[in-house]
Amino acid sequence: MDEVRTAPAPLNTVPPNTVPLTRAQKVLAGTGGLFFAGLAGLGGYGSFASVRDVAEPWFGGQAWIVPAGVDLGILALVSVALLLEWLAMPMPALRWMAFAFTGATVWLNVSAAHGDATGMVMHAAMPILFITFIEAVRHAIRRRAGIAAGTVREGVPVARWLLAPWSTFRLWRRMVLWQITSYPRALAAEQRRRHALALLSEHYGRKWRTRAPADVVWMLSDGVMLDEALARVTELTAPEPEKEKAPPRRRTPRRNPPRPRTPRSVATDNEARALAIIDAEPDITGTELGRRLDISTRQGQRLLSRLTRPAPASTGGAS
């Protein structure tokens, strides 16, 4: 089975976090490099004779080795130090050794002036310019390599330090502790953290630190794992869902249960008794009739009305 091989990235590929140099920046960098080479050449040529003359009493005809060796050593140390800075593997000892050799060169050049102030300044000027240029290049390389590796921490604006020193110190402290290199990202995290604290304070009150879960309090206090902390806070402070109310049941009107029909024999018996009562008391009321028959008032009235209703007259003629 063939293995899938990934082609190595080209060496000149710019890291994703680094903005590539523009044409004008490349031209300016090249011009600065030419000036640096000229400065190094003139400085080495100017100090060569002076250092050789100072070293001649000890080295004799081999005195030229001292200025040549010191200058070559400085260039070697500076080159390796810049390369390690570019690879994000700085070695401070190389820088300090380069400074020491440069300081020795300056001292030897100043000694050649034999105490003359003007000569001392002229002998020290070019080595100092050389070191200053090297430090500028080292700073640029270190910053660019740090930006590419994500290890260079952006500074906090001075205005924020002046307006809110204590909260700015805590923000800077969290940037240092948790390796937050981007100031805008740290500022956004601080805003989200404060929003979560406001939600907890509103939900639990002033004693939210003792009432909220301990892990959430820790995450918000130290400013770590904010995504998880905010999700927990949102879950804790979310309002409880309202229970869905069931639609009101339609109330059906209560219907009077059907009255049981009175058997015909019972109805006939009631009618017979009612007729006897009506014959004895023609002016009896339906209420009284119902009471005597042990039926409802309404049934008594109906029964009285039906029994006292006159019979319809016959309309047929005699044949």
C-alpha atoms as a PDB file:
ATOM      1  CA  MET A   1       0.000   0.000   0.000  1.00  0.00           C
ATOM      2  CA  ASP A   2       1.511   3.291  -1.069  1.00  0.00           C
ATOM      3  CA  GLU A   3       2.125   5.800   1.676  1.00  0.00           C
ATOM      4  CA  VAL A   4       0.854   9.313   1.210  1.00  0.00           C
ATOM      5  CA  ARG A   5       3.776  11.670   1.629  1.00  0.00           C
ATOM      6  CA  THR A   6       3.376  15.313   2.361  1.00  0.00           C
ATOM      7  CA  ALA A   7       5.710  17.592   0.497  1.00  0.00           C
ATOM      8  CA  PRO A   8       7.893  19.687   2.824  1.00  0.00           C
ATOM      9  CA  ALA A   9       7.086  23.354   3.028  1.00  0.00           C
ATOM     10  CA  PRO A  10       9.437  25.566   0.988  1.00  0.00           C
ATOM     11  CA  LEU A  11      12.129  27.307   3.009  1.00  0.00           C
ATOM     12  CA  ASN A  12      11.099  30.765   1.900  1.00  0.00           C
ATOM     13  CA  THR A  13       7.532  30.345   3.062  1.00  0.00           C
ATOM     14  CA  VAL A  14       6.452  33.198   5.341  1.00  0.00           C
ATOM     15  CA  PRO A  15       4.886  31.993   8.622  1.00  0.00           C
ATOM     16  CA  PRO A  16       1.122  32.584   8.795  1.00  0.00           C
ATOM     17  CA  ASN A  17       1.456  35.084  11.664  1.00  0.00           C
ATOM     18  CA  THR A  18       4.089  37.188   9.886  1.00  0.00           C
ATOM     19  CA  VAL A  19       3.264  39.879   7.374  1.00  0.00           C
ATOM     20  CA  PRO A  20       5.618  39.603   4.365  1.00  0.00           C
ATOM     21  CA  LEU A  21       7.917  42.528   3.653  1.00  0.00           C
ATOM     22  CA  THR A  22       6.856  44.933   0.962  1.00  0.00           C
ATOM     23  CA  ARG A  23       9.108  45.886  -1.932  1.00  0.00           C
ATOM     24  CA  ALA A  24       9.975  49.219  -0.328  1.00  0.00           C
ATOM     25  CA  GLN A  25      10.865  47.526   2.963  1.00  0.00           C
ATOM     26  CA  LYS A  26      13.141  45.059   1.194  1.00  0.00           C
ATOM     27  CA  VAL A  27      14.908  47.904  -0.633  1.00  0.00           C
ATOM     28  CA  LEU A  28      15.341  49.800   2.627  1.00  0.00           C
ATOM     29  CA  ALA A  29      16.707  46.709   4.377  1.00  0.00           C
ATOM     30  CA  GLY A  30      19.171  46.118   1.564  1.00  0.00           C
ATOM     31  CA  THR A  31      20.324  49.734   1.689  1.00  0.00           C
ATOM     32  CA  GLY A  32      20.816  49.468   5.444  1.00  0.00           C
ATOM     33  CA  GLY A  33      22.857  46.304   4.944  1.00  0.00           C
ATOM     34  CA  LEU A  34      25.140  48.077   2.495  1.00  0.00           C
ATOM     35  CA  PHE A  35      25.658  50.940   4.923  1.00  0.00           C
ATOM     36  CA  PHE A  36      26.404  48.453   7.686  1.00  0.00           C
ATOM     37  CA  ALA A  37      29.006  46.698   5.540  1.00  0.00           C
ATOM     38  CA  GLY A  38      30.635  50.035   4.771  1.00  0.00           C
ATOM     39  CA  LEU A  39      30.587  50.994   8.450  1.00  0.00           C
ATOM     40  CA  ALA A  40      32.124  47.677   9.459  1.00  0.00           C
ATOM     41  CA  GLY A  41      34.825  48.003   6.772  1.00  0.00           C
ATOM     42  CA  LEU A  42      35.743  51.572   7.681  1.00  0.00           C
ATOM     43  CA  GLY A  43      35.676  50.825  11.375  1.00  0.00           C
ATOM     44  CA  GLY A  44      37.894  47.785  10.958  1.00  0.00           C
ATOM     45  CA  TYR A  45      40.314  49.655   8.704  1.00  0.00           C
ATOM     46  CA  GLY A  46      40.464  52.655  11.048  1.00  0.00           C
ATOM     47  CA  SER A  47      41.062  50.622  14.183  1.00  0.00           C
ATOM     48  CA  PHE A  48      43.422  48.133  12.592  1.00  0.00           C
ATOM     49  CA  ALA A  49      46.479  50.368  12.609  1.00  0.00           C
ATOM     50  CA  SER A  50      45.709  51.801  16.046  1.00  0.00           C
ATOM     51  CA  VAL A  51      45.255  48.405  17.690  1.00  0.00           C
ATOM     52  CA  ARG A  52      48.295  47.014  15.875  1.00  0.00           C
ATOM     53  CA  ASP A  53      50.454  49.832  17.189  1.00  0.00           C
ATOM     54  CA  VAL A  54      49.180  49.248  20.741  1.00  0.00           C
ATOM     55  CA  ALA A  55      49.846  45.475  20.478  1.00  0.00           C
ATOM     56  CA  GLU A  56      53.272  45.756  18.789  1.00  0.00           C
ATOM     57  CA  PRO A  57      55.311  45.894  22.043  1.00  0.00           C
ATOM     58  CA  TRP A  58      53.949  42.477  23.004  1.00  0.00           C
ATOM     59  CA  PHE A  59      53.490  40.793  19.617  1.00  0.00           C
ATOM     60  CA  GLY A  60      56.199  42.418  17.528  1.00  0.00           C
ATOM     61  CA  GLY A  61      55.835  41.635  13.828  1.00  0.00           C
ATOM     62  CA  GLN A  62      52.720  39.533  14.536  1.00  0.00           C
ATOM     63  CA  ALA A  63      50.817  42.478  16.047  1.00  0.00           C
ATOM     64  CA  TRP A  64      48.380  42.557  13.108  1.00  0.00           C
ATOM     65  CA  ILE A  65      46.858  39.307  14.424  1.00  0.00           C
ATOM     66  CA  VAL A  66      45.283  41.150  17.376  1.00  0.00           C
ATOM     67  CA  PRO A  67      43.047  43.639  15.444  1.00  0.00           C
ATOM     68  CA  ALA A  68      42.249  41.068  12.751  1.00  0.00           C
ATOM     69  CA  GLY A  69      41.311  38.399  15.284  1.00  0.00           C
ATOM     70  CA  VAL A  70      39.231  40.755  17.403  1.00  0.00           C
ATOM     71  CA  ASP A  71      37.298  42.129  14.413  1.00  0.00           C
ATOM     72  CA  LEU A  72      36.706  38.670  12.906  1.00  0.00           C
ATOM     73  CA  GLY A  73      35.619  37.360  16.308  1.00  0.00           C
ATOM     74  CA  ILE A  74      33.132  40.194  16.678  1.00  0.00           C
ATOM     75  CA  LEU A  75      31.669  39.514  13.214  1.00  0.00           C
ATOM     76  CA  ALA A  76      31.462  35.756  13.903  1.00  0.00           C
ATOM     77  CA  LEU A  77      29.769  36.220  17.261  1.00  0.00           C
ATOM     78  CA  VAL A  78      27.318  38.766  15.848  1.00  0.00           C
ATOM     79  CA  SER A  79      26.441  36.550  12.871  1.00  0.00           C
ATOM     80  CA  VAL A  80      25.783  33.455  14.982  1.00  0.00           C
ATOM     81  CA  ALA A  81      23.804  35.467  17.558  1.00  0.00           C
ATOM     82  CA  LEU A  82      21.572  36.923  14.823  1.00  0.00           C
ATOM     83  CA  LEU A  83      21.059  33.475  13.295  1.00  0.00           C
ATOM     84  CA  LEU A  84      19.990  32.008  16.633  1.00  0.00           C
ATOM     85  CA  GLU A  85      17.638  34.937  17.190  1.00  0.00           C
ATOM     86  CA  TRP A  86      16.104  34.249  13.790  1.00  0.00           C
ATOM     87  CA  LEU A  87      15.612  30.587  14.715  1.00  0.00           C
ATOM     88  CA  ALA A  88      13.938  31.634  18.008  1.00  0.00           C
ATOM     89  CA  MET A  89      16.840  30.077  19.954  1.00  0.00           C
ATOM     90  CA  PRO A  90      18.584  33.119  21.429  1.00  0.00           C
ATOM     91  CA  MET A  91      21.842  32.686  23.321  1.00  0.00           C
ATOM     92  CA  PRO A  92      22.569  35.781  25.405  1.00  0.00           C
ATOM     93  CA  ALA A  93      26.179  34.695  26.044  1.00  0.00           C
ATOM     94  CA  LEU A  94      27.032  35.329  22.399  1.00  0.00           C
ATOM     95  CA  ARG A  95      25.724  38.884  22.613  1.00  0.00           C
ATOM     96  CA  TRP A  96      27.658  39.666  25.738  1.00  0.00           C
ATOM     97  CA  MET A  97      30.839  38.189  24.281  1.00  0.00           C
ATOM     98  CA  ALA A  98      30.402  40.362  21.189  1.00  0.00           C
ATOM     99  CA  PHE A  99      29.910  43.374  23.456  1.00  0.00           C
ATOM    100  CA  ALA A 100      33.038  42.425  25.411  1.00  0.00           C
ATOM    101  CA  PHE A 101      35.164  42.187  22.277  1.00  0.00           C
ATOM    102  CA  THR A 102      33.762  45.443  20.978  1.00  0.00           C
ATOM    103  CA  GLY A 103      34.465  47.092  24.335  1.00  0.00           C
ATOM    104  CA  ALA A 104      38.038  45.763  24.123  1.00  0.00           C
ATOM    105  CA  THR A 105      38.372  47.232  20.647  1.00  0.00           C
ATOM    106  CA  VAL A 106      37.095  50.587  21.872  1.00  0.00           C
ATOM    107  CA  TRP A 107      39.530  50.488  24.804  1.00  0.00           C
ATOM    108  CA  LEU A 108      42.473  49.694  22.553  1.00  0.00           C
ATOM    109  CA  ASN A 109      41.512  52.476  20.149  1.00  0.00           C
ATOM    110  CA  VAL A 110      41.100  54.948  23.017  1.00  0.00           C
ATOM    111  CA  SER A 111      44.506  53.924  24.360  1.00  0.00           C
ATOM    112  CA  ALA A 112      46.042  54.802  20.999  1.00  0.00           C
ATOM    113  CA  ALA A 113      44.815  58.394  21.450  1.00  0.00           C
ATOM    114  CA  HIS A 114      47.197  58.807  24.426  1.00  0.00           C
ATOM    115  CA  GLY A 115      44.708  60.791  26.515  1.00  0.00           C
ATOM    116  CA  ASP A 116      43.545  63.210  23.811  1.00  0.00           C
ATOM    117  CA  ALA A 117      39.768  63.701  24.205  1.00  0.00           C
ATOM    118  CA  THR A 118      39.163  64.380  20.514  1.00  0.00           C
ATOM    119  CA  GLY A 119      41.088  61.310  19.485  1.00  0.00           C
ATOM    120  CA  MET A 120      39.293  59.161  22.052  1.00  0.00           C
ATOM    121  CA  VAL A 121      35.869  60.209  20.724  1.00  0.00           C
ATOM    122  CA  MET A 122      36.892  59.592  17.118  1.00  0.00           C
ATOM    123  CA  HIS A 123      38.305  56.149  17.946  1.00  0.00           C
ATOM    124  CA  ALA A 124      35.158  55.150  19.913  1.00  0.00           C
ATOM    125  CA  ALA A 125      32.548  56.524  17.487  1.00  0.00           C
ATOM    126  CA  MET A 126      32.559  53.787  14.835  1.00  0.00           C
ATOM    127  CA  PRO A 127      32.578  50.785  17.219  1.00  0.00           C
ATOM    128  CA  ILE A 128      29.636  52.302  19.085  1.00  0.00           C
ATOM    129  CA  LEU A 129      27.760  52.807  15.787  1.00  0.00           C
ATOM    130  CA  PHE A 130      28.545  49.206  14.883  1.00  0.00           C
ATOM    131  CA  ILE A 131      27.086  47.864  18.130  1.00  0.00           C
ATOM    132  CA  THR A 132      24.022  50.116  17.851  1.00  0.00           C
ATOM    133  CA  PHE A 133      23.292  48.859  14.326  1.00  0.00           C
ATOM    134  CA  ILE A 134      23.722  45.232  15.421  1.00  0.00           C
ATOM    135  CA  GLU A 135      21.284  45.736  18.310  1.00  0.00           C
ATOM    136  CA  ALA A 136      18.707  47.266  15.959  1.00  0.00           C
ATOM    137  CA  VAL A 137      18.986  44.300  13.584  1.00  0.00           C
ATOM    138  CA  ARG A 138      18.791  41.863  16.503  1.00  0.00           C
ATOM    139  CA  HIS A 139      15.658  43.587  17.821  1.00  0.00           C
ATOM    140  CA  ALA A 140      13.961  43.396  14.418  1.00  0.00           C
ATOM    141  CA  ILE A 141      14.844  39.728  13.959  1.00  0.00           C
ATOM    142  CA  ARG A 142      13.761  38.838  17.471  1.00  0.00           C
ATOM    143  CA  ARG A 143      10.438  40.592  17.114  1.00  0.00           C
ATOM    144  CA  ARG A 144       9.710  39.034  13.737  1.00  0.00           C
ATOM    145  CA  ALA A 145      10.687  35.549  14.885  1.00  0.00           C
ATOM    146  CA  GLY A 146       8.641  35.995  18.049  1.00  0.00           C
ATOM    147  CA  ILE A 147       5.593  37.142  16.091  1.00  0.00           C
ATOM    148  CA  ALA A 148       5.915  34.116  13.810  1.00  0.00           C
ATOM    149  CA  ALA A 149       6.245  31.758  16.787  1.00  0.00           C
ATOM    150  CA  GLY A 150       3.503  33.518  18.773  1.00  0.00           C
ATOM    151  CA  THR A 151       5.782  34.304  21.723  1.00  0.00           C
ATOM    152  CA  VAL A 152       6.074  38.088  21.455  1.00  0.00           C
ATOM    153  CA  ARG A 153       3.685  39.783  23.842  1.00  0.00           C
ATOM    154  CA  GLU A 154       2.183  43.071  22.779  1.00  0.00           C
ATOM    155  CA  GLY A 155       2.443  45.932  25.215  1.00  0.00           C
ATOM    156  CA  VAL A 156      -0.461  47.558  27.027  1.00  0.00           C
ATOM    157  CA  PRO A 157      -1.048  51.213  26.031  1.00  0.00           C
ATOM    158  CA  VAL A 158       0.235  53.802  28.472  1.00  0.00           C
ATOM    159  CA  ALA A 159      -3.158  55.560  28.519  1.00  0.00           C
ATOM    160  CA  ARG A 160      -4.774  52.473  30.018  1.00  0.00           C
ATOM    161  CA  TRP A 161      -2.116  52.287  32.719  1.00  0.00           C
ATOM    162  CA  LEU A 162      -2.882  55.889  33.631  1.00  0.00           C
ATOM    163  CA  LEU A 163      -6.687  55.610  33.581  1.00  0.00           C
ATOM    164  CA  ALA A 164      -7.077  52.206  35.275  1.00  0.00           C
ATOM    165  CA  PRO A 165      -3.757  51.139  36.816  1.00  0.00           C
ATOM    166  CA  TRP A 166      -5.031  48.313  39.044  1.00  0.00           C
ATOM    167  CA  SER A 167      -7.249  46.610  36.469  1.00  0.00           C
ATOM    168  CA  THR A 168      -4.522  47.113  33.836  1.00  0.00           C
ATOM    169  CA  PHE A 169      -1.991  45.410  36.097  1.00  0.00           C
ATOM    170  CA  ARG A 170      -4.301  42.421  36.529  1.00  0.00           C
ATOM    171  CA  LEU A 171      -4.853  42.295  32.755  1.00  0.00           C
ATOM    172  CA  TRP A 172      -1.097  42.424  32.125  1.00  0.00           C
ATOM    173  CA  ARG A 173      -0.541  39.775  34.802  1.00  0.00           C
ATOM    174  CA  ARG A 174      -2.951  37.391  33.105  1.00  0.00           C
ATOM    175  CA  MET A 175      -1.234  38.042  29.756  1.00  0.00           C
ATOM    176  CA  VAL A 176       2.106  37.078  31.288  1.00  0.00           C
ATOM    177  CA  LEU A 177       0.831  34.070  33.259  1.00  0.00           C
ATOM    178  CA  TRP A 178      -1.234  32.478  30.508  1.00  0.00           C
ATOM    179  CA  GLN A 179       0.946  33.448  27.506  1.00  0.00           C
ATOM    180  CA  ILE A 180      -1.597  35.762  25.885  1.00  0.00           C
ATOM    181  CA  THR A 181       0.477  37.638  23.331  1.00  0.00           C
ATOM    182  CA  SER A 182      -2.267  39.679  21.657  1.00  0.00           C
ATOM    183  CA  TYR A 183      -3.483  42.746  23.551  1.00  0.00           C
ATOM    184  CA  PRO A 184      -6.822  42.978  21.623  1.00  0.00           C
ATOM    185  CA  ARG A 185      -7.467  39.291  22.363  1.00  0.00           C
ATOM    186  CA  ALA A 186      -6.677  39.819  26.039  1.00  0.00           C
ATOM    187  CA  LEU A 187      -8.982  42.851  26.104  1.00  0.00           C
ATOM    188  CA  ALA A 188     -11.833  40.868  24.531  1.00  0.00           C
ATOM    189  CA  ALA A 189     -11.315  38.075  27.074  1.00  0.00           C
ATOM    190  CA  GLU A 190     -11.414  40.632  29.907  1.00  0.00           C
ATOM    191  CA  GLN A 191     -14.717  42.045  28.633  1.00  0.00           C
ATOM    192  CA  ARG A 192     -16.254  38.570  28.444  1.00  0.00           C
ATOM    193  CA  ARG A 193     -14.978  37.770  31.935  1.00  0.00           C
ATOM    194  CA  ARG A 194     -16.548  40.913  33.387  1.00  0.00           C
ATOM    195  CA  HIS A 195     -19.821  40.157  31.635  1.00  0.00           C
ATOM    196  CA  ALA A 196     -19.878  36.718  33.248  1.00  0.00           C
ATOM    197  CA  LEU A 197     -19.155  38.260  36.655  1.00  0.00           C
ATOM    198  CA  ALA A 198     -22.051  40.674  36.188  1.00  0.00           C
ATOM    199  CA  LEU A 199     -24.391  37.785  35.334  1.00  0.00           C
ATOM    200  CA  LEU A 200     -23.344  35.845  38.426  1.00  0.00           C
ATOM    201  CA  SER A 201     -23.707  38.921  40.642  1.00  0.00           C
ATOM    202  CA  GLU A 202     -27.196  39.561  39.311  1.00  0.00           C
ATOM    203  CA  HIS A 203     -28.221  35.918  39.691  1.00  0.00           C
ATOM    204  CA  TYR A 204     -26.691  35.091  43.089  1.00  0.00           C
ATOM    205  CA  GLY A 205     -26.350  38.548  44.656  1.00  0.00           C
ATOM    206  CA  ARG A 206     -23.317  40.006  46.397  1.00  0.00           C
ATOM    207  CA  LYS A 207     -22.265  36.651  47.842  1.00  0.00           C
ATOM    208  CA  TRP A 208     -22.018  35.036  44.413  1.00  0.00           C
ATOM    209  CA  ARG A 209     -18.484  33.777  45.178  1.00  0.00           C
ATOM    210  CA  THR A 210     -19.843  31.474  47.870  1.00  0.00           C
ATOM    211  CA  ARG A 211     -23.053  30.528  46.097  1.00  0.00           C
ATOM    212  CA  ALA A 212     -21.760  29.883  42.563  1.00  0.00           C
ATOM    213  CA  PRO A 213     -19.929  26.609  41.724  1.00  0.00           C
ATOM    214  CA  ALA A 214     -16.295  26.679  42.899  1.00  0.00           C
ATOM    215  CA  ASP A 215     -14.798  25.753  39.526  1.00  0.00           C
ATOM    216  CA  VAL A 216     -16.643  28.588  37.780  1.00  0.00           C
ATOM    217  CA  VAL A 217     -15.434  31.056  40.403  1.00  0.00           C
ATOM    218  CA  TRP A 218     -11.844  29.842  39.937  1.00  0.00           C
ATOM    219  CA  MET A 219     -11.963  30.091  36.152  1.00  0.00           C
ATOM    220  CA  LEU A 220     -13.354  33.630  36.229  1.00  0.00           C
ATOM    221  CA  SER A 221     -11.032  34.819  39.009  1.00  0.00           C
ATOM    222  CA  ASP A 222      -7.882  33.641  37.213  1.00  0.00           C
ATOM    223  CA  GLY A 223      -9.169  34.353  33.699  1.00  0.00           C
ATOM    224  CA  VAL A 224      -8.600  30.828  32.356  1.00  0.00           C
ATOM    225  CA  MET A 225     -10.811  28.498  30.316  1.00  0.00           C
ATOM    226  CA  LEU A 226     -13.165  31.400  29.650  1.00  0.00           C
ATOM    227  CA  ASP A 227     -15.123  29.631  26.915  1.00  0.00           C
ATOM    228  CA  GLU A 228     -16.126  26.863  29.303  1.00  0.00           C
ATOM    229  CA  ALA A 229     -16.703  29.334  32.127  1.00  0.00           C
ATOM    230  CA  LEU A 230     -19.031  31.499  30.040  1.00  0.00           C
ATOM    231  CA  ALA A 231     -20.966  28.459  28.871  1.00  0.00           C
ATOM    232  CA  ARG A 232     -21.443  27.387  32.496  1.00  0.00           C
ATOM    233  CA  VAL A 233     -22.486  30.883  33.562  1.00  0.00           C
ATOM    234  CA  THR A 234     -25.005  31.107  30.745  1.00  0.00           C
ATOM    235  CA  GLU A 235     -26.445  27.755  31.797  1.00  0.00           C
ATOM    236  CA  LEU A 236     -26.572  28.721  35.475  1.00  0.00           C
ATOM    237  CA  THR A 237     -28.190  32.121  34.957  1.00  0.00           C
ATOM    238  CA  ALA A 238     -30.638  31.153  32.218  1.00  0.00           C
ATOM    239  CA  PRO A 239     -34.284  31.674  33.244  1.00  0.00           C
ATOM    240  CA  GLU A 240     -36.267  28.530  33.857  1.00  0.00           C
ATOM    241  CA  PRO A 241     -38.467  27.607  30.917  1.00  0.00           C
ATOM    242  CA  GLU A 242     -42.127  28.323  31.517  1.00  0.00           C
ATOM    243  CA  LYS A 243     -44.389  25.331  31.542  1.00  0.00           C
ATOM    244  CA  GLU A 244     -46.657  25.206  28.575  1.00  0.00           C
ATOM    245  CA  LYS A 245     -50.164  25.873  29.671  1.00  0.00           C
ATOM    246  CA  ALA A 246     -52.734  23.416  28.422  1.00  0.00           C
ATOM    247  CA  PRO A 247     -55.487  24.983  26.375  1.00  0.00           C
ATOM    248  CA  PRO A 248     -58.554  25.647  28.498  1.00  0.00           C
ATOM    249  CA  ARG A 249     -61.044  22.869  28.325  1.00  0.00           C
ATOM    250  CA  ARG A 250     -64.364  23.842  26.889  1.00  0.00           C
ATOM    251  CA  ARG A 251     -66.923  23.504  29.569  1.00  0.00           C
ATOM    252  CA  THR A 252     -69.932  21.747  28.255  1.00  0.00           C
ATOM    253  CA  PRO A 253     -73.138  23.070  29.718  1.00  0.00           C
ATOM    254  CA  ARG A 254     -74.554  20.791  32.283  1.00  0.00           C
ATOM    255  CA  ARG A 255     -77.715  19.231  31.120  1.00  0.00           C
ATOM    256  CA  ASN A 256     -80.356  18.185  33.499  1.00  0.00           C
ATOM    257  CA  PRO A 257     -80.450  14.439  33.565  1.00  0.00           C
ATOM    258  CA  PRO A 258     -83.520  13.050  31.919  1.00  0.00           C
ATOM    259  CA  ARG A 259     -86.213  12.499  34.396  1.00  0.00           C
ATOM    260  CA  PRO A 260     -87.314   9.006  34.684  1.00  0.00           C
ATOM    261  CA  ARG A 261     -90.647   8.490  33.080  1.00  0.00           C
ATOM    262  CA  THR A 262     -93.413   7.760  35.432  1.00  0.00           C
ATOM    263  CA  PRO A 263     -95.017   4.474  34.771  1.00  0.00           C
ATOM    264  CA  ARG A 264     -98.425   4.798  33.166  1.00  0.00           C
ATOM    265  CA  SER A 265    -100.127   3.046  36.062  1.00  0.00           C
ATOM    266  CA  VAL A 266     -98.639   5.551  38.524  1.00  0.00           C
ATOM    267  CA  ALA A 267     -99.701   8.491  36.282  1.00  0.00           C
ATOM    268  CA  THR A 268    -103.228   7.112  36.073  1.00  0.00           C
ATOM    269  CA  ASP A 269    -103.353   6.716  39.844  1.00  0.00           C
ATOM    270  CA  ASN A 270    -102.158  10.324  40.336  1.00  0.00           C
ATOM    271  CA  GLU A 271    -104.773  11.587  37.879  1.00  0.00           C
ATOM    272  CA  ALA A 272    -107.520   9.732  39.697  1.00  0.00           C
ATOM    273  CA  ARG A 273    -106.468  11.092  43.029  1.00  0.00           C
ATOM    274  CA  ALA A 274    -106.068  14.601  41.513  1.00  0.00           C
ATOM    275  CA  LEU A 275    -109.609  14.479  40.077  1.00  0.00           C
ATOM    276  CA  ALA A 276    -110.974  13.503  43.450  1.00  0.00           C
ATOM    277  CA  ILE A 277    -109.164  16.385  45.131  1.00  0.00           C
ATOM    278  CA  ILE A 278    -110.261  18.886  42.444  1.00  0.00           C
ATOM    279  CA  ASP A 279    -113.900  17.772  42.782  1.00  0.00           C
ATOM    280  CA  ALA A 280    -113.698  18.273  46.525  1.00  0.00           C
ATOM    281  CA  GLU A 281    -111.818  21.571  46.290  1.00  0.00           C
ATOM    282  CA  PRO A 282    -112.367  23.343  42.979  1.00  0.00           C
ATOM    283  CA  ASP A 283    -110.212  26.322  43.982  1.00  0.00           C
ATOM    284  CA  ILE A 284    -107.096  24.287  44.856  1.00  0.00           C
ATOM    285  CA  THR A 285    -103.808  25.536  43.446  1.00  0.00           C
ATOM    286  CA  GLY A 286    -101.227  23.533  41.518  1.00  0.00           C
ATOM    287  CA  THR A 287     -98.689  23.940  44.320  1.00  0.00           C
ATOM    288  CA  GLU A 288    -101.077  22.503  46.871  1.00  0.00           C
ATOM    289  CA  LEU A 289    -102.070  19.751  44.488  1.00  0.00           C
ATOM    290  CA  GLY A 290     -98.445  18.747  43.961  1.00  0.00           C
ATOM    291  CA  ARG A 291     -97.803  18.726  47.714  1.00  0.00           C
ATOM    292  CA  ARG A 292    -100.756  16.428  48.358  1.00  0.00           C
ATOM    293  CA  LEU A 293     -99.790  14.083  45.562  1.00  0.00           C
ATOM    294  CA  ASP A 294     -96.111  14.164  46.657  1.00  0.00           C
ATOM    295  CA  ILE A 295     -94.934  15.454  43.319  1.00  0.00           C
ATOM    296  CA  SER A 296     -93.168  18.642  42.297  1.00  0.00           C
ATOM    297  CA  THR A 297     -94.950  21.961  42.178  1.00  0.00           C
ATOM    298  CA  ARG A 298     -94.479  22.216  38.458  1.00  0.00           C
ATOM    299  CA  GLN A 299     -95.940  18.766  37.862  1.00  0.00           C
ATOM    300  CA  GLY A 300     -98.855  19.669  40.109  1.00  0.00           C
ATOM    301  CA  GLN A 301     -99.567  22.840  38.071  1.00  0.00           C
ATOM    302  CA  ARG A 302     -99.386  20.946  34.806  1.00  0.00           C
ATOM    303  CA  LEU A 303    -101.631  18.243  36.129  1.00  0.00           C
ATOM    304  CA  LEU A 304    -104.135  20.831  37.409  1.00  0.00           C
ATOM    305  CA  SER A 305    -104.088  22.693  34.091  1.00  0.00           C
ATOM    306  CA  ARG A 306    -104.620  19.513  32.082  1.00  0.00           C
ATOM    307  CA  LEU A 307    -107.400  18.155  34.228  1.00  0.00           C
ATOM    308  CA  THR A 308    -109.315  21.435  34.463  1.00  0.00           C
ATOM    309  CA  ARG A 309    -108.984  22.256  30.757  1.00  0.00           C
ATOM    310  CA  PRO A 310    -112.400  22.335  29.140  1.00  0.00           C
ATOM    311  CA  ALA A 311    -113.016  19.697  26.500  1.00  0.00           C
ATOM    312  CA  PRO A 312    -113.081  20.995  22.849  1.00  0.00           C
ATOM    313  CA  ALA A 313    -116.598  21.584  21.448  1.00  0.00           C
ATOM    314  CA  SER A 314    -117.794  19.315  18.678  1.00  0.00           C
ATOM    315  CA  THR A 315    -118.167  21.113  15.301  1.00  0.00           C
ATOM    316  CA  GLY A 316    -119.871  18.281  13.419  1.00  0.00           C
ATOM    317  CA  GLY A 317    -123.647  18.710  12.537  1.00  0.00           C
ATOM    318  CA  ALA A 318    -126.283  16.076  13.199  1.00  0.00           C
ATOM    319  CA  SER A 319    -127.183  13.986  10.228  1.00  0.00           C
END
